Every structure is written in C-alpha cells, then in structure tokens.
Amino acid sequence: MTPEEAATTLGVDPSAPMDEVRRAYRAVIRTRHPDRAGEASTADAARIIQAYATLRDVASGKVPAPRRPGPAGQAPTVIQVQWRPPIEPASISRVDDDTIAIGAPANEAFLLLLDAAHDIGEVSYLDRSVPILEAICQFVGTPAVSLVVTIQGRNDGTDAFVHSESIEARPGPPTKDVIDVYEAFLRRRQAVTA
C-alpha cells in the first residue's frame, strides 16, 4: 500500500502528523473492526490496519515520504515528514488496588484508557479537560457498575485512578476485580497499538 492510498483509507492528508493519523486510525477502526461491524468487515479492518502501519513507517523514516506532483514540467515536491523514533508501547503496571501507572504522556494514556473503557462497557461520561471518564459495565452474573477513571500526569508517565461502584440495589464486584479486567483490556489495547 502506498502512503497516498494509506492516507486516503484513513481520511487524512499524506503529510498529516502522526498524532492526527493515530486519531483518524482509532476513529475508523472503531467503526469497522469485526468485533463491532461483523465478520464481513474483516477485509476493511485489515486494510485500515495496513494503512496505519504504512503511515507509521513513513513517519519513522522506514519508507520514503509521499511526493506531490509539482506544476507542469517541474519535479514533484517532497512532503516533509518530521522523523520520530518508533512508538514504544507504554508500560502498564499496577501501583495499588485502585491505581494503574502508564508509561506515557497524559494525552496518550487517556486515549488508551478510553479505548479500553469502550472495550469493557459503554462510555457514559467524558471530560478531557479534567480528564475523567465513566463507563457503565455489566459483567456476567453481577450488577452493572460505574467505572470512573481520572488521571494525573507525572514526570515519568501517568497515573490512572480507578473506582467502581454498583449502580443497582445490590453490591457489585470488588473494585479490585473490576480493575483487574480493565487492566487486562488496557494490555490488550497496548498490544494492538504497538
């Protein structure tokens, strides 16, 4: 797949910065992933993933930058893409029963936390300025719970403070168990975006 085809697939300009490419990829794959759109979308999802990988390789310098045709009779102009080191997966570790440390800047950590919250429940509240998110989760055999995540940026990464509480008249699962599931989905998301 050429960088131009990849950009078209994700709906971005071929010279878009990697942050914009990543946002576009997440938005598109969220709607076309077979888990959400059904098995018929498997080929679409594979193409979207390939497009993201192609543009990531362009940004890291592994493949040449796309060229735009110049005026008639002139050589094409090279689109300048800022080189960035390859993206390393964020480290994820449990600090205590209700805190998860993510080795990434707050904005990247928040996107990872948001994606994992979408995976385990329905996001019912989101405020990027605080930042805070809430997801309503239903686990087999337990009452629905409200999973609330707030984050605090640190020098070496981001801490996510997680709280869960039953929203029904009966007690929900222990917060630690809910966070165990959430952490597992964070690690799964981390593996997908790496």
C-alpha atoms as a PDB file:
ATOM      1  CA  MET A   1       0.000   0.000   0.000  1.00  0.00           C
ATOM      2  CA  THR A   2       1.387   3.415  -0.934  1.00  0.00           C
ATOM      3  CA  PRO A   3       1.405   6.275   1.576  1.00  0.00           C
ATOM      4  CA  GLU A   4      -1.153   8.081  -0.590  1.00  0.00           C
ATOM      5  CA  GLU A   5      -3.511   5.083  -0.513  1.00  0.00           C
ATOM      6  CA  ALA A   6      -2.976   4.760   3.232  1.00  0.00           C
ATOM      7  CA  ALA A   7      -3.824   8.420   3.795  1.00  0.00           C
ATOM      8  CA  THR A   8      -6.975   8.082   1.686  1.00  0.00           C
ATOM      9  CA  THR A   9      -8.026   4.967   3.627  1.00  0.00           C
ATOM     10  CA  LEU A  10      -7.735   6.841   6.945  1.00  0.00           C
ATOM     11  CA  GLY A  11      -9.130  10.104   5.576  1.00  0.00           C
ATOM     12  CA  VAL A  12      -6.053  12.212   6.328  1.00  0.00           C
ATOM     13  CA  ASP A  13      -3.601  14.238   4.283  1.00  0.00           C
ATOM     14  CA  PRO A  14      -0.464  12.236   3.339  1.00  0.00           C
ATOM     15  CA  SER A  15       1.631  14.753   5.289  1.00  0.00           C
ATOM     16  CA  ALA A  16      -0.567  14.667   8.425  1.00  0.00           C
ATOM     17  CA  PRO A  17       1.343  14.484  11.720  1.00  0.00           C
ATOM     18  CA  MET A  18       1.383  11.098  13.442  1.00  0.00           C
ATOM     19  CA  ASP A  19      -0.964  12.307  16.215  1.00  0.00           C
ATOM     20  CA  GLU A  20      -3.621  13.103  13.599  1.00  0.00           C
ATOM     21  CA  VAL A  21      -3.008   9.788  11.821  1.00  0.00           C
ATOM     22  CA  ARG A  22      -3.382   7.916  15.127  1.00  0.00           C
ATOM     23  CA  ARG A  23      -6.649   9.702  15.951  1.00  0.00           C
ATOM     24  CA  ALA A  24      -8.031   9.001  12.474  1.00  0.00           C
ATOM     25  CA  TYR A  25      -6.986   5.346  12.681  1.00  0.00           C
ATOM     26  CA  ARG A  26      -8.700   4.873  16.045  1.00  0.00           C
ATOM     27  CA  ALA A  27     -11.891   6.536  14.842  1.00  0.00           C
ATOM     28  CA  VAL A  28     -12.056   4.479  11.636  1.00  0.00           C
ATOM     29  CA  ILE A  29     -11.062   1.114  13.133  1.00  0.00           C
ATOM     30  CA  ARG A  30     -13.565   1.573  15.945  1.00  0.00           C
ATOM     31  CA  THR A  31     -16.408   1.519  13.409  1.00  0.00           C
ATOM     32  CA  ARG A  32     -15.022  -1.135  11.005  1.00  0.00           C
ATOM     33  CA  HIS A  33     -13.486  -3.661  13.419  1.00  0.00           C
ATOM     34  CA  PRO A  34     -15.105  -7.108  13.080  1.00  0.00           C
ATOM     35  CA  ASP A  35     -15.947  -7.088  16.804  1.00  0.00           C
ATOM     36  CA  ARG A  36     -18.296  -4.171  16.142  1.00  0.00           C
ATOM     37  CA  ALA A  37     -19.173  -4.337  12.438  1.00  0.00           C
ATOM     38  CA  GLY A  38     -19.302  -8.112  11.992  1.00  0.00           C
ATOM     39  CA  GLU A  39     -17.132 -10.591  10.148  1.00  0.00           C
ATOM     40  CA  ALA A  40     -17.923  -9.004   6.777  1.00  0.00           C
ATOM     41  CA  SER A  41     -15.744  -6.044   7.770  1.00  0.00           C
ATOM     42  CA  THR A  42     -12.589  -8.143   8.321  1.00  0.00           C
ATOM     43  CA  ALA A  43     -11.050  -7.084   4.987  1.00  0.00           C
ATOM     44  CA  ASP A  44     -11.834  -3.425   5.730  1.00  0.00           C
ATOM     45  CA  ALA A  45     -10.220  -3.701   9.164  1.00  0.00           C
ATOM     46  CA  ALA A  46      -7.116  -5.331   7.681  1.00  0.00           C
ATOM     47  CA  ARG A  47      -6.812  -2.510   5.130  1.00  0.00           C
ATOM     48  CA  ILE A  48      -7.217   0.129   7.869  1.00  0.00           C
ATOM     49  CA  ILE A  49      -4.527  -1.540   9.996  1.00  0.00           C
ATOM     50  CA  GLN A  50      -2.214  -1.751   6.965  1.00  0.00           C
ATOM     51  CA  ALA A  51      -2.836   1.939   6.213  1.00  0.00           C
ATOM     52  CA  TYR A  52      -1.894   2.904   9.759  1.00  0.00           C
ATOM     53  CA  ALA A  53       1.263   0.762   9.619  1.00  0.00           C
ATOM     54  CA  THR A  54       2.256   2.341   6.295  1.00  0.00           C
ATOM     55  CA  LEU A  55       1.897   5.905   7.607  1.00  0.00           C
ATOM     56  CA  ARG A  56       3.675   4.968  10.846  1.00  0.00           C
ATOM     57  CA  ASP A  57       6.564   3.621   8.756  1.00  0.00           C
ATOM     58  CA  VAL A  58       6.671   6.861   6.752  1.00  0.00           C
ATOM     59  CA  ALA A  59       6.807   8.885   9.987  1.00  0.00           C
ATOM     60  CA  SER A  60       9.627   6.698  11.352  1.00  0.00           C
ATOM     61  CA  GLY A  61      11.637   7.009   8.135  1.00  0.00           C
ATOM     62  CA  LYS A  62      11.345   3.315   7.178  1.00  0.00           C
ATOM     63  CA  VAL A  63       9.768   4.202   3.822  1.00  0.00           C
ATOM     64  CA  PRO A  64      10.169   7.340   1.692  1.00  0.00           C
ATOM     65  CA  ALA A  65       7.787  10.209   2.229  1.00  0.00           C
ATOM     66  CA  PRO A  66       4.997  10.606  -0.323  1.00  0.00           C
ATOM     67  CA  ARG A  67       5.526  13.033  -3.180  1.00  0.00           C
ATOM     68  CA  ARG A  68       3.080  15.549  -4.566  1.00  0.00           C
ATOM     69  CA  PRO A  69       3.179  16.441  -8.239  1.00  0.00           C
ATOM     70  CA  GLY A  70       4.603  19.881  -8.894  1.00  0.00           C
ATOM     71  CA  PRO A  71       3.485  22.324 -11.596  1.00  0.00           C
ATOM     72  CA  ALA A  72       3.815  21.048 -15.173  1.00  0.00           C
ATOM     73  CA  GLY A  73       7.422  20.475 -16.146  1.00  0.00           C
ATOM     74  CA  GLN A  74       8.725  20.585 -12.556  1.00  0.00           C
ATOM     75  CA  ALA A  75       9.825  17.694 -10.392  1.00  0.00           C
ATOM     76  CA  PRO A  76       7.411  16.666  -7.666  1.00  0.00           C
ATOM     77  CA  THR A  77       7.889  18.322  -4.311  1.00  0.00           C
ATOM     78  CA  VAL A  78       8.726  16.141  -1.335  1.00  0.00           C
ATOM     79  CA  ILE A  79       6.357  16.399   1.583  1.00  0.00           C
ATOM     80  CA  GLN A  80       8.393  16.910   4.715  1.00  0.00           C
ATOM     81  CA  VAL A  81       7.530  14.486   7.487  1.00  0.00           C
ATOM     82  CA  GLN A  82       9.073  15.018  10.882  1.00  0.00           C
ATOM     83  CA  TRP A  83      11.015  11.935  11.932  1.00  0.00           C
ATOM     84  CA  ARG A  84      10.076  10.493  15.287  1.00  0.00           C
ATOM     85  CA  PRO A  85      11.519   7.427  16.913  1.00  0.00           C
ATOM     86  CA  PRO A  86       9.318   4.336  16.594  1.00  0.00           C
ATOM     87  CA  ILE A  87       6.497   4.334  19.112  1.00  0.00           C
ATOM     88  CA  GLU A  88       7.326   2.154  22.066  1.00  0.00           C
ATOM     89  CA  PRO A  89       4.424   0.507  23.817  1.00  0.00           C
ATOM     90  CA  ALA A  90       3.537   2.216  27.064  1.00  0.00           C
ATOM     91  CA  SER A  91       4.438   0.268  30.165  1.00  0.00           C
ATOM     92  CA  ILE A  92       1.437  -0.619  32.294  1.00  0.00           C
ATOM     93  CA  SER A  93       1.775  -1.574  35.943  1.00  0.00           C
ATOM     94  CA  ARG A  94      -0.485  -1.749  38.977  1.00  0.00           C
ATOM     95  CA  VAL A  95       0.604   0.692  41.688  1.00  0.00           C
ATOM     96  CA  ASP A  96      -2.012  -0.470  44.198  1.00  0.00           C
ATOM     97  CA  ASP A  97      -5.561  -1.835  44.227  1.00  0.00           C
ATOM     98  CA  ASP A  98      -7.032   1.251  42.539  1.00  0.00           C
ATOM     99  CA  THR A  99      -4.147   2.860  40.613  1.00  0.00           C
ATOM    100  CA  ILE A 100      -2.602   1.894  37.290  1.00  0.00           C
ATOM    101  CA  ALA A 101       0.654   3.515  36.149  1.00  0.00           C
ATOM    102  CA  ILE A 102       1.057   4.036  32.404  1.00  0.00           C
ATOM    103  CA  GLY A 103       4.455   4.967  30.987  1.00  0.00           C
ATOM    104  CA  ALA A 104       3.095   7.503  28.504  1.00  0.00           C
ATOM    105  CA  PRO A 105       2.191  11.212  28.465  1.00  0.00           C
ATOM    106  CA  ALA A 106      -1.241  12.025  29.868  1.00  0.00           C
ATOM    107  CA  ASN A 107      -2.884  12.616  26.461  1.00  0.00           C
ATOM    108  CA  GLU A 108      -1.735   9.245  25.080  1.00  0.00           C
ATOM    109  CA  ALA A 109      -2.552   7.443  28.323  1.00  0.00           C
ATOM    110  CA  PHE A 110      -6.055   8.951  28.324  1.00  0.00           C
ATOM    111  CA  LEU A 111      -6.711   7.654  24.781  1.00  0.00           C
ATOM    112  CA  LEU A 112      -5.537   4.190  25.794  1.00  0.00           C
ATOM    113  CA  LEU A 113      -7.758   4.297  28.903  1.00  0.00           C
ATOM    114  CA  LEU A 114     -10.713   5.493  26.824  1.00  0.00           C
ATOM    115  CA  ASP A 115     -10.281   2.741  24.222  1.00  0.00           C
ATOM    116  CA  ALA A 116     -10.115   0.067  26.935  1.00  0.00           C
ATOM    117  CA  ALA A 117     -13.218   1.544  28.617  1.00  0.00           C
ATOM    118  CA  HIS A 118     -15.067   1.226  25.282  1.00  0.00           C
ATOM    119  CA  ASP A 119     -13.993  -2.410  25.177  1.00  0.00           C
ATOM    120  CA  ILE A 120     -15.463  -3.368  28.558  1.00  0.00           C
ATOM    121  CA  GLY A 121     -18.538  -1.141  28.712  1.00  0.00           C
ATOM    122  CA  GLU A 122     -20.405   1.878  27.413  1.00  0.00           C
ATOM    123  CA  VAL A 123     -18.683   5.205  27.994  1.00  0.00           C
ATOM    124  CA  SER A 124     -21.345   7.372  29.609  1.00  0.00           C
ATOM    125  CA  TYR A 125     -19.304  10.441  30.559  1.00  0.00           C
ATOM    126  CA  LEU A 126     -16.129  12.000  29.211  1.00  0.00           C
ATOM    127  CA  ASP A 127     -14.390  15.235  30.129  1.00  0.00           C
ATOM    128  CA  ARG A 128     -10.978  15.684  28.510  1.00  0.00           C
ATOM    129  CA  SER A 129     -10.295  18.930  30.364  1.00  0.00           C
ATOM    130  CA  VAL A 130     -10.221  17.295  33.815  1.00  0.00           C
ATOM    131  CA  PRO A 131      -9.615  14.443  32.476  1.00  0.00           C
ATOM    132  CA  ILE A 132     -12.193  11.951  33.673  1.00  0.00           C
ATOM    133  CA  LEU A 133     -14.247   9.221  32.076  1.00  0.00           C
ATOM    134  CA  GLU A 134     -17.020   6.925  33.204  1.00  0.00           C
ATOM    135  CA  ALA A 135     -18.081   3.638  31.675  1.00  0.00           C
ATOM    136  CA  ILE A 136     -21.081   1.545  32.629  1.00  0.00           C
ATOM    137  CA  CYS A 137     -20.013  -2.118  32.721  1.00  0.00           C
ATOM    138  CA  GLN A 138     -22.032  -5.298  33.103  1.00  0.00           C
ATOM    139  CA  PHE A 139     -20.150  -8.474  33.939  1.00  0.00           C
ATOM    140  CA  VAL A 140     -21.795 -11.899  33.812  1.00  0.00           C
ATOM    141  CA  GLY A 141     -23.741 -12.604  36.992  1.00  0.00           C
ATOM    142  CA  THR A 142     -23.092  -9.230  38.631  1.00  0.00           C
ATOM    143  CA  PRO A 143     -24.973  -5.945  38.791  1.00  0.00           C
ATOM    144  CA  ALA A 144     -23.990  -3.116  36.470  1.00  0.00           C
ATOM    145  CA  VAL A 145     -21.170  -0.960  37.782  1.00  0.00           C
ATOM    146  CA  SER A 146     -19.982   2.554  37.141  1.00  0.00           C
ATOM    147  CA  LEU A 147     -16.247   2.547  36.345  1.00  0.00           C
ATOM    148  CA  VAL A 148     -14.786   6.020  36.906  1.00  0.00           C
ATOM    149  CA  VAL A 149     -11.228   6.818  35.783  1.00  0.00           C
ATOM    150  CA  THR A 150      -9.317  10.025  36.496  1.00  0.00           C
ATOM    151  CA  ILE A 151      -5.699  10.622  35.560  1.00  0.00           C
ATOM    152  CA  GLN A 152      -2.735  12.548  36.895  1.00  0.00           C
ATOM    153  CA  GLY A 153       0.295  13.251  34.707  1.00  0.00           C
ATOM    154  CA  ARG A 154       3.701  12.557  36.250  1.00  0.00           C
ATOM    155  CA  ASN A 155       7.291  13.180  35.132  1.00  0.00           C
ATOM    156  CA  ASP A 156       7.699   9.570  34.097  1.00  0.00           C
ATOM    157  CA  GLY A 157       4.193   8.814  32.859  1.00  0.00           C
ATOM    158  CA  THR A 158       0.597   8.928  34.018  1.00  0.00           C
ATOM    159  CA  ASP A 159      -1.320   7.513  36.962  1.00  0.00           C
ATOM    160  CA  ALA A 160      -4.896   6.381  36.386  1.00  0.00           C
ATOM    161  CA  PHE A 161      -7.078   6.304  39.497  1.00  0.00           C
ATOM    162  CA  VAL A 162      -9.908   3.831  39.021  1.00  0.00           C
ATOM    163  CA  HIS A 163     -13.068   3.439  41.085  1.00  0.00           C
ATOM    164  CA  SER A 164     -16.046   1.176  40.563  1.00  0.00           C
ATOM    165  CA  GLU A 165     -19.407   1.143  42.263  1.00  0.00           C
ATOM    166  CA  SER A 166     -22.620  -0.781  41.741  1.00  0.00           C
ATOM    167  CA  ILE A 167     -25.424   1.224  40.162  1.00  0.00           C
ATOM    168  CA  GLU A 168     -28.025  -1.317  41.245  1.00  0.00           C
ATOM    169  CA  ALA A 169     -29.535  -2.041  44.660  1.00  0.00           C
ATOM    170  CA  ARG A 170     -27.210  -4.997  45.272  1.00  0.00           C
ATOM    171  CA  PRO A 171     -23.439  -4.905  45.810  1.00  0.00           C
ATOM    172  CA  GLY A 172     -21.224  -5.075  42.764  1.00  0.00           C
ATOM    173  CA  PRO A 173     -17.989  -6.997  42.309  1.00  0.00           C
ATOM    174  CA  PRO A 174     -14.989  -5.798  44.335  1.00  0.00           C
ATOM    175  CA  THR A 175     -13.240  -2.783  42.789  1.00  0.00           C
ATOM    176  CA  LYS A 176     -10.001  -4.772  42.554  1.00  0.00           C
ATOM    177  CA  ASP A 177     -11.688  -7.412  40.368  1.00  0.00           C
ATOM    178  CA  VAL A 178     -13.170  -4.775  38.055  1.00  0.00           C
ATOM    179  CA  ILE A 179      -9.762  -3.097  37.757  1.00  0.00           C
ATOM    180  CA  ASP A 180      -8.158  -6.478  37.001  1.00  0.00           C
ATOM    181  CA  VAL A 181     -10.475  -6.810  33.979  1.00  0.00           C
ATOM    182  CA  TYR A 182      -9.856  -3.185  32.942  1.00  0.00           C
ATOM    183  CA  GLU A 183      -6.084  -3.644  33.227  1.00  0.00           C
ATOM    184  CA  ALA A 184      -6.275  -6.784  31.066  1.00  0.00           C
ATOM    185  CA  PHE A 185      -8.081  -4.793  28.361  1.00  0.00           C
ATOM    186  CA  LEU A 186      -5.512  -1.975  28.667  1.00  0.00           C
ATOM    187  CA  ARG A 187      -2.762  -4.503  27.997  1.00  0.00           C
ATOM    188  CA  ARG A 188      -4.722  -5.914  25.066  1.00  0.00           C
ATOM    189  CA  ARG A 189      -5.156  -2.402  23.621  1.00  0.00           C
ATOM    190  CA  GLN A 190      -1.481  -1.688  24.186  1.00  0.00           C
ATOM    191  CA  ALA A 191      -0.575  -4.764  22.133  1.00  0.00           C
ATOM    192  CA  VAL A 192      -2.885  -3.602  19.286  1.00  0.00           C
ATOM    193  CA  THR A 193      -1.424  -0.079  19.105  1.00  0.00           C
ATOM    194  CA  ALA A 194       2.226  -1.163  19.425  1.00  0.00           C
END
